[in-house]
């Protein structure tokens, strides 16, 4: 049943974003705006057929369904590369620690509130994911001396984005297969399901 309505989610979000984006800060003088002389009329039946064919095209385009927040999370994450690391940081103004970075992206781009610390994140009831089944958007966790101490977001192709240490440059992309991250890898969880 959810798959049936899944294509409507992006359409609904697009309409809401369009409505929000269409507000302007300065009033528009509608009298001075020239109106086009051509008008289009669609009866209710034609509008319904157009919407139905649009939905059918989305269902039949052979592309996998993309969760509404995933592309926003990844795009925004890439735009923050180079943002400084700051212990306890949760914003672009102060910088991020690893869990602050993840929480910021999921909250701002997908409307998902995650726990604040990596220890709380790893304890979430989200499903565990085998390393060979990772998908973009999965949370990856790392441990040192048997305790979880770092997290990032898997972006595909064996890479993840995270807020690393001050010495490493803050927000950056690394390979899971690098010596350090491979030896400290603990597990992954799927928050976007």
Protein backbone atom coordinates (compact mmCIF):
# COMPACT_ATOMS: atom_id res chain seq x y z
CA UNK A 1 0.00 0.00 0.00
CA UNK A 2 2.84 2.40 0.85
CA UNK A 3 4.51 1.71 -2.50
CA UNK A 4 1.29 2.72 -4.21
CA UNK A 5 1.37 6.18 -2.63
CA UNK A 6 5.17 6.59 -2.65
CA UNK A 7 5.25 8.50 -5.99
CA UNK A 8 2.87 11.09 -4.53
CA UNK A 9 5.30 12.06 -1.75
CA UNK A 10 7.79 13.90 -4.02
CA UNK A 11 4.94 15.61 -5.89
CA UNK A 12 3.41 16.78 -2.60
CA UNK A 13 6.77 18.01 -1.32
CA UNK A 14 7.43 19.84 -4.58
CA UNK A 15 4.06 21.60 -4.34
CA UNK A 16 4.70 22.60 -0.72
CA UNK A 17 8.19 23.86 -1.52
CA UNK A 18 6.87 25.78 -4.51
CA UNK A 19 4.24 27.40 -2.34
CA UNK A 20 6.85 28.34 0.27
CA UNK A 21 9.31 29.61 -2.31
CA UNK A 22 6.74 31.72 -4.08
CA UNK A 23 6.39 34.17 -1.21
CA UNK A 24 8.37 37.33 -1.77
CA UNK A 25 9.65 39.84 0.72
CA UNK A 26 8.64 42.88 -1.33
CA UNK A 27 5.03 43.40 -2.39
CA UNK A 28 4.34 42.97 -6.08
CA UNK A 29 2.24 45.52 -7.91
CA UNK A 30 -0.11 43.13 -9.70
CA UNK A 31 -1.80 45.94 -11.60
CA UNK A 32 1.47 46.84 -13.29
CA UNK A 33 2.18 43.23 -14.28
CA UNK A 34 1.01 42.57 -17.80
CA UNK A 35 -1.33 39.59 -18.03
CA UNK A 36 -0.95 37.19 -20.94
CA UNK A 37 -3.75 37.37 -23.47
CA UNK A 38 -3.95 33.59 -23.93
CA UNK A 39 -5.88 31.53 -21.42
CA UNK A 40 -5.92 27.77 -21.11
CA UNK A 41 -8.87 25.79 -19.91
CA UNK A 42 -8.66 22.23 -18.64
CA UNK A 43 -11.74 20.39 -17.65
CA UNK A 44 -11.62 18.14 -14.60
CA UNK A 45 -11.44 14.96 -16.69
CA UNK A 46 -8.42 16.16 -18.71
CA UNK A 47 -6.63 17.27 -15.54
CA UNK A 48 -7.25 13.87 -13.91
CA UNK A 49 -5.92 12.05 -17.01
CA UNK A 50 -2.80 14.25 -17.06
CA UNK A 51 -2.11 13.51 -13.40
CA UNK A 52 -2.76 9.79 -13.89
CA UNK A 53 -0.37 9.58 -16.86
CA UNK A 54 2.28 11.46 -14.86
CA UNK A 55 1.98 8.93 -12.02
CA UNK A 56 2.10 6.03 -14.49
CA UNK A 57 5.26 7.47 -16.06
CA UNK A 58 6.88 7.63 -12.63
CA UNK A 59 5.90 4.05 -11.88
CA UNK A 60 7.02 2.72 -15.25
CA UNK A 61 10.28 4.62 -15.76
CA UNK A 62 12.40 1.68 -14.47
CA UNK A 63 14.17 3.96 -12.01
CA UNK A 64 14.29 2.93 -8.35
CA UNK A 65 12.21 5.00 -6.02
CA UNK A 66 14.35 7.56 -4.19
CA UNK A 67 13.42 8.51 -0.67
CA UNK A 68 12.41 12.17 -0.46
CA UNK A 69 15.15 13.24 1.94
CA UNK A 70 18.10 11.24 0.66
CA UNK A 71 19.20 13.41 -2.25
CA UNK A 72 18.80 16.53 -0.08
CA UNK A 73 20.87 14.98 2.71
CA UNK A 74 23.70 14.04 0.36
CA UNK A 75 23.64 17.30 -1.62
CA UNK A 76 23.68 19.42 1.54
CA UNK A 77 26.35 17.22 3.08
CA UNK A 78 28.64 17.74 0.06
CA UNK A 79 28.06 21.49 0.25
CA UNK A 80 29.37 21.45 3.84
CA UNK A 81 32.71 19.78 3.04
CA UNK A 82 35.43 21.78 4.77
CA UNK A 83 33.16 22.97 7.60
CA UNK A 84 35.36 22.87 10.72
CA UNK A 85 35.15 20.15 13.35
CA UNK A 86 33.97 21.28 16.76
CA UNK A 87 33.32 18.98 19.68
CA UNK A 88 29.62 19.31 20.53
CA UNK A 89 29.00 21.38 17.38
CA UNK A 90 25.61 21.11 15.67
CA UNK A 91 25.47 23.98 13.18
CA UNK A 92 27.21 25.58 10.25
CA UNK A 93 27.97 28.59 12.44
CA UNK A 94 29.86 26.65 15.11
CA UNK A 95 31.05 23.61 13.16
CA UNK A 96 30.11 19.98 13.72
CA UNK A 97 31.17 16.92 15.58
CA UNK A 98 30.27 13.63 13.87
CA UNK A 99 26.85 13.10 15.45
CA UNK A 100 26.02 16.81 15.23
CA UNK A 101 26.70 16.71 11.48
CA UNK A 102 24.49 13.66 10.95
CA UNK A 103 21.71 15.05 13.13
CA UNK A 104 21.81 18.41 11.33
CA UNK A 105 21.50 16.82 7.86
CA UNK A 106 18.70 14.43 8.77
CA UNK A 107 16.75 17.13 10.65
CA UNK A 108 17.17 19.88 8.06
CA UNK A 109 16.86 17.81 4.88
CA UNK A 110 14.54 14.94 5.82
CA UNK A 111 12.71 16.18 8.91
CA UNK A 112 14.05 13.25 10.96
CA UNK A 113 15.20 13.97 14.51
CA UNK A 114 18.00 11.60 15.49
CA UNK A 115 19.53 11.13 18.94
CA UNK A 116 22.36 13.54 19.74
CA UNK A 117 25.28 11.21 20.46
CA UNK A 118 26.80 8.31 18.52
CA UNK A 119 26.09 6.02 21.49
CA UNK A 120 22.41 6.94 21.35
CA UNK A 121 22.35 6.66 17.53
CA UNK A 122 23.79 3.15 17.54
CA UNK A 123 21.20 2.13 20.14
CA UNK A 124 18.27 3.23 17.91
CA UNK A 125 15.88 0.43 16.96
CA UNK A 126 16.74 0.95 13.28
CA UNK A 127 17.65 -2.22 11.35
CA UNK A 128 21.30 -3.27 11.14
CA UNK A 129 22.77 -3.50 7.64
CA UNK A 130 25.52 -5.88 6.55
CA UNK A 131 28.57 -4.10 5.20
CA UNK A 132 28.15 -5.63 1.73
CA UNK A 133 24.53 -4.38 1.61
CA UNK A 134 25.18 -0.71 2.43
CA UNK A 135 23.08 1.85 0.58
CA UNK A 136 23.47 5.63 0.41
CA UNK A 137 21.97 7.20 3.52
CA UNK A 138 22.90 4.35 5.88
CA UNK A 139 24.65 5.39 9.08
CA UNK A 140 28.07 3.80 9.55
CA UNK A 141 29.60 3.47 13.01
CA UNK A 142 33.20 3.09 14.12
CA UNK A 143 34.71 2.00 17.42
CA UNK A 144 37.96 2.35 19.28
CA UNK A 145 38.85 0.16 22.27
CA UNK A 146 35.49 -1.60 22.00
CA UNK A 147 33.34 1.55 22.26
CA UNK A 148 31.51 3.37 19.50
CA UNK A 149 33.17 6.75 19.07
CA UNK A 150 32.45 7.93 15.52
CA UNK A 151 29.73 7.90 12.85
CA UNK A 152 29.17 8.98 9.27
CA UNK A 153 26.71 8.68 6.39
CA UNK A 154 27.40 6.15 3.65
CA UNK A 155 27.29 7.85 0.22
CA UNK A 156 27.95 4.86 -2.06
CA UNK A 157 30.97 3.50 -3.92
CA UNK A 158 32.57 2.46 -0.62
CA UNK A 159 32.71 6.05 0.70
CA UNK A 160 31.13 7.94 3.57
CA UNK A 161 30.81 11.59 4.56
CA UNK A 162 31.47 12.65 8.14
CA UNK A 163 32.82 15.38 10.37
CA UNK A 164 36.28 14.19 11.28
CA UNK A 165 38.78 15.71 13.68
CA UNK A 166 40.11 19.26 13.59
CA UNK A 167 43.43 17.91 12.33
CA UNK A 168 41.68 16.10 9.44
CA UNK A 169 39.82 19.18 8.23
CA UNK A 170 36.29 18.76 9.58
CA UNK A 171 33.58 17.61 7.16
CA UNK A 172 35.09 15.34 4.53
CA UNK A 173 34.62 12.18 2.47
CA UNK A 174 36.67 9.05 3.21
CA UNK A 175 36.81 5.46 1.97
CA UNK A 176 35.61 2.67 4.24
CA UNK A 177 38.45 0.56 2.86
CA UNK A 178 41.21 2.89 4.10
CA UNK A 179 43.39 1.24 6.74
CA UNK A 180 42.12 3.34 9.64
CA UNK A 181 38.39 3.25 8.90
CA UNK A 182 38.41 -0.40 7.84
CA UNK A 183 40.06 -1.48 11.10
CA UNK A 184 37.65 0.62 13.21
CA UNK A 185 34.41 -0.21 11.35
CA UNK A 186 31.75 -1.50 13.76
CA UNK A 187 28.35 -1.66 12.04
CA UNK A 188 25.76 0.19 9.97
CA UNK A 189 22.09 1.02 10.50
CA UNK A 190 19.39 2.04 8.05
CA UNK A 191 17.43 5.04 9.27
CA UNK A 192 15.79 5.85 5.92
CA UNK A 193 13.66 2.80 5.23
